[in-house]
């Protein structure tokens, strides 16, 4: 099973090579699963691109959420970069297997603050295929997910007009 209604491995590969875009954007455009796009990207030896660029743009001014140097240093020590740009947490985990930076703060929330320079809204979720990845670029909050949903709806509406 390819994971796509109308796109083949070859058509996704062609799209990635001519118009390299985030997995979710290509999946929306070609009406296929982001996991299938990730697999083709990996087969081609391309770097992962799990989150849309539009979702990473800040709607807040830089400095709205300053992260202390000590927090960034400790995070860097405990969040080890592994293959394909993912990060594995070497610190402690909660009883629910959530990577924990401190007794009250998850590593996800700290990584999000470092990457996006703002407080996350709602739950922070991993958007890549690696379970418990703590790479800030691979995380989303409620605002980002809502924006992604709006963009998908806009794209579907435009596709319906063609």
Protein backbone atom coordinates (compact mmCIF):
# COMPACT_ATOMS: atom_id res chain seq x y z
CA UNK A 1 0.00 0.00 0.00
CA UNK A 2 1.45 3.33 -1.04
CA UNK A 3 -0.45 5.64 1.33
CA UNK A 4 -1.66 7.80 -1.54
CA UNK A 5 -4.83 7.91 -3.59
CA UNK A 6 -3.39 9.51 -6.68
CA UNK A 7 0.35 9.75 -6.24
CA UNK A 8 3.07 7.20 -6.82
CA UNK A 9 6.53 6.99 -5.28
CA UNK A 10 7.88 8.41 -8.54
CA UNK A 11 5.53 11.42 -8.59
CA UNK A 12 6.39 12.27 -4.98
CA UNK A 13 10.11 11.91 -5.77
CA UNK A 14 9.72 14.23 -8.78
CA UNK A 15 7.89 16.79 -6.65
CA UNK A 16 10.52 16.62 -3.90
CA UNK A 17 13.33 17.11 -6.42
CA UNK A 18 11.70 20.01 -8.28
CA UNK A 19 9.83 21.75 -5.47
CA UNK A 20 11.31 20.65 -2.16
CA UNK A 21 8.64 21.53 0.40
CA UNK A 22 7.60 20.24 3.85
CA UNK A 23 6.15 16.73 3.99
CA UNK A 24 2.68 17.89 5.05
CA UNK A 25 2.48 20.41 2.21
CA UNK A 26 3.44 17.83 -0.42
CA UNK A 27 1.06 15.31 1.13
CA UNK A 28 -1.78 17.84 0.94
CA UNK A 29 -0.92 18.75 -2.64
CA UNK A 30 -0.69 15.13 -3.84
CA UNK A 31 -3.49 13.80 -1.59
CA UNK A 32 -1.32 11.31 0.24
CA UNK A 33 -0.12 10.52 3.73
CA UNK A 34 2.77 12.58 5.16
CA UNK A 35 4.39 9.30 6.27
CA UNK A 36 4.59 8.20 2.61
CA UNK A 37 6.26 11.49 1.66
CA UNK A 38 8.70 11.01 4.58
CA UNK A 39 9.55 7.54 3.31
CA UNK A 40 10.22 8.78 -0.24
CA UNK A 41 12.30 11.67 1.14
CA UNK A 42 14.34 9.19 3.19
CA UNK A 43 14.74 6.84 0.20
CA UNK A 44 16.14 9.77 -1.78
CA UNK A 45 18.60 10.57 1.01
CA UNK A 46 17.05 13.98 1.64
CA UNK A 47 16.97 15.67 5.04
CA UNK A 48 13.66 15.47 6.97
CA UNK A 49 11.28 18.41 6.73
CA UNK A 50 8.34 17.48 8.97
CA UNK A 51 6.80 20.89 9.76
CA UNK A 52 5.56 23.55 7.35
CA UNK A 53 7.67 26.69 7.21
CA UNK A 54 4.51 28.80 7.57
CA UNK A 55 3.83 27.13 10.90
CA UNK A 56 7.22 28.08 12.24
CA UNK A 57 6.81 31.80 11.62
CA UNK A 58 6.41 33.67 14.85
CA UNK A 59 3.43 35.87 15.45
CA UNK A 60 5.19 37.26 18.51
CA UNK A 61 8.20 39.51 18.76
CA UNK A 62 11.60 37.91 19.36
CA UNK A 63 12.35 37.89 23.05
CA UNK A 64 8.73 37.32 24.11
CA UNK A 65 9.97 34.14 25.73
CA UNK A 66 13.58 34.39 26.76
CA UNK A 67 15.16 31.06 27.64
CA UNK A 68 18.02 31.25 30.13
CA UNK A 69 21.46 30.21 28.88
CA UNK A 70 21.66 27.59 31.64
CA UNK A 71 18.38 26.02 30.47
CA UNK A 72 19.60 25.94 26.86
CA UNK A 73 22.95 24.44 27.92
CA UNK A 74 21.32 21.70 30.02
CA UNK A 75 18.81 20.94 27.26
CA UNK A 76 21.66 20.61 24.73
CA UNK A 77 23.47 18.19 27.03
CA UNK A 78 20.40 16.00 27.54
CA UNK A 79 18.91 16.18 24.02
CA UNK A 80 21.39 14.30 21.87
CA UNK A 81 21.25 14.74 18.09
CA UNK A 82 20.78 11.41 16.34
CA UNK A 83 20.24 10.40 12.71
CA UNK A 84 18.04 12.46 10.38
CA UNK A 85 18.05 15.53 12.62
CA UNK A 86 16.07 13.99 15.47
CA UNK A 87 16.98 14.38 19.15
CA UNK A 88 16.87 11.64 21.77
CA UNK A 89 16.27 12.62 25.40
CA UNK A 90 18.86 11.26 27.84
CA UNK A 91 17.22 12.73 30.92
CA UNK A 92 14.47 11.28 33.04
CA UNK A 93 10.95 10.32 31.89
CA UNK A 94 7.60 10.56 33.64
CA UNK A 95 5.64 7.44 34.55
CA UNK A 96 3.76 8.02 31.27
CA UNK A 97 7.07 7.96 29.35
CA UNK A 98 7.14 11.73 28.70
CA UNK A 99 10.66 13.20 28.52
CA UNK A 100 10.96 15.51 31.54
CA UNK A 101 13.28 18.52 31.81
CA UNK A 102 12.27 19.17 35.41
CA UNK A 103 9.65 17.87 37.84
CA UNK A 104 7.06 20.24 36.30
CA UNK A 105 8.29 20.93 32.74
CA UNK A 106 8.50 18.45 29.86
CA UNK A 107 11.48 18.44 27.52
CA UNK A 108 8.96 19.07 24.71
CA UNK A 109 7.90 22.41 26.19
CA UNK A 110 11.50 23.49 26.84
CA UNK A 111 12.57 22.53 23.28
CA UNK A 112 9.55 24.40 21.89
CA UNK A 113 10.44 27.56 23.84
CA UNK A 114 14.05 27.41 22.69
CA UNK A 115 13.12 26.91 19.04
CA UNK A 116 10.11 29.23 18.70
CA UNK A 117 10.95 31.86 21.35
CA UNK A 118 7.42 31.79 22.73
CA UNK A 119 5.37 29.87 25.23
CA UNK A 120 3.56 26.92 23.66
CA UNK A 121 -0.23 27.07 23.64
CA UNK A 122 -1.87 23.85 24.75
CA UNK A 123 -0.21 20.48 24.39
CA UNK A 124 3.14 20.21 22.58
CA UNK A 125 3.16 17.25 20.18
CA UNK A 126 5.85 15.46 18.21
CA UNK A 127 5.20 15.91 14.46
CA UNK A 128 7.84 13.54 13.10
CA UNK A 129 7.90 9.76 12.88
CA UNK A 130 10.39 9.36 15.76
CA UNK A 131 8.60 8.65 19.03
CA UNK A 132 9.56 11.07 21.84
CA UNK A 133 11.78 13.19 19.56
CA UNK A 134 12.68 16.43 21.37
CA UNK A 135 13.97 18.43 18.36
CA UNK A 136 12.25 21.83 18.52
CA UNK A 137 11.61 21.92 14.75
CA UNK A 138 9.74 18.62 15.05
CA UNK A 139 7.27 19.89 17.66
CA UNK A 140 3.99 21.76 17.35
CA UNK A 141 1.56 23.43 19.71
CA UNK A 142 -2.18 24.00 19.41
CA UNK A 143 -1.75 27.27 17.45
CA UNK A 144 0.45 25.59 14.87
CA UNK A 145 -1.92 22.64 14.46
CA UNK A 146 -4.91 24.96 14.07
CA UNK A 147 -3.04 26.98 11.44
CA UNK A 148 -2.12 23.77 9.59
CA UNK A 149 -5.79 22.74 9.59
CA UNK A 150 -6.79 26.16 8.21
CA UNK A 151 -4.19 25.88 5.45
CA UNK A 152 -5.41 22.38 4.52
CA UNK A 153 -8.99 23.63 4.35
CA UNK A 154 -7.96 26.59 2.19
CA UNK A 155 -6.03 24.28 -0.14
CA UNK A 156 -8.97 21.88 -0.39
CA UNK A 157 -11.31 24.80 -1.15
CA UNK A 158 -8.97 26.01 -3.89
CA UNK A 159 -8.63 22.48 -5.31
CA UNK A 160 -12.44 22.26 -5.40
CA UNK A 161 -12.62 25.45 -7.49
CA UNK A 162 -10.28 24.12 -10.18
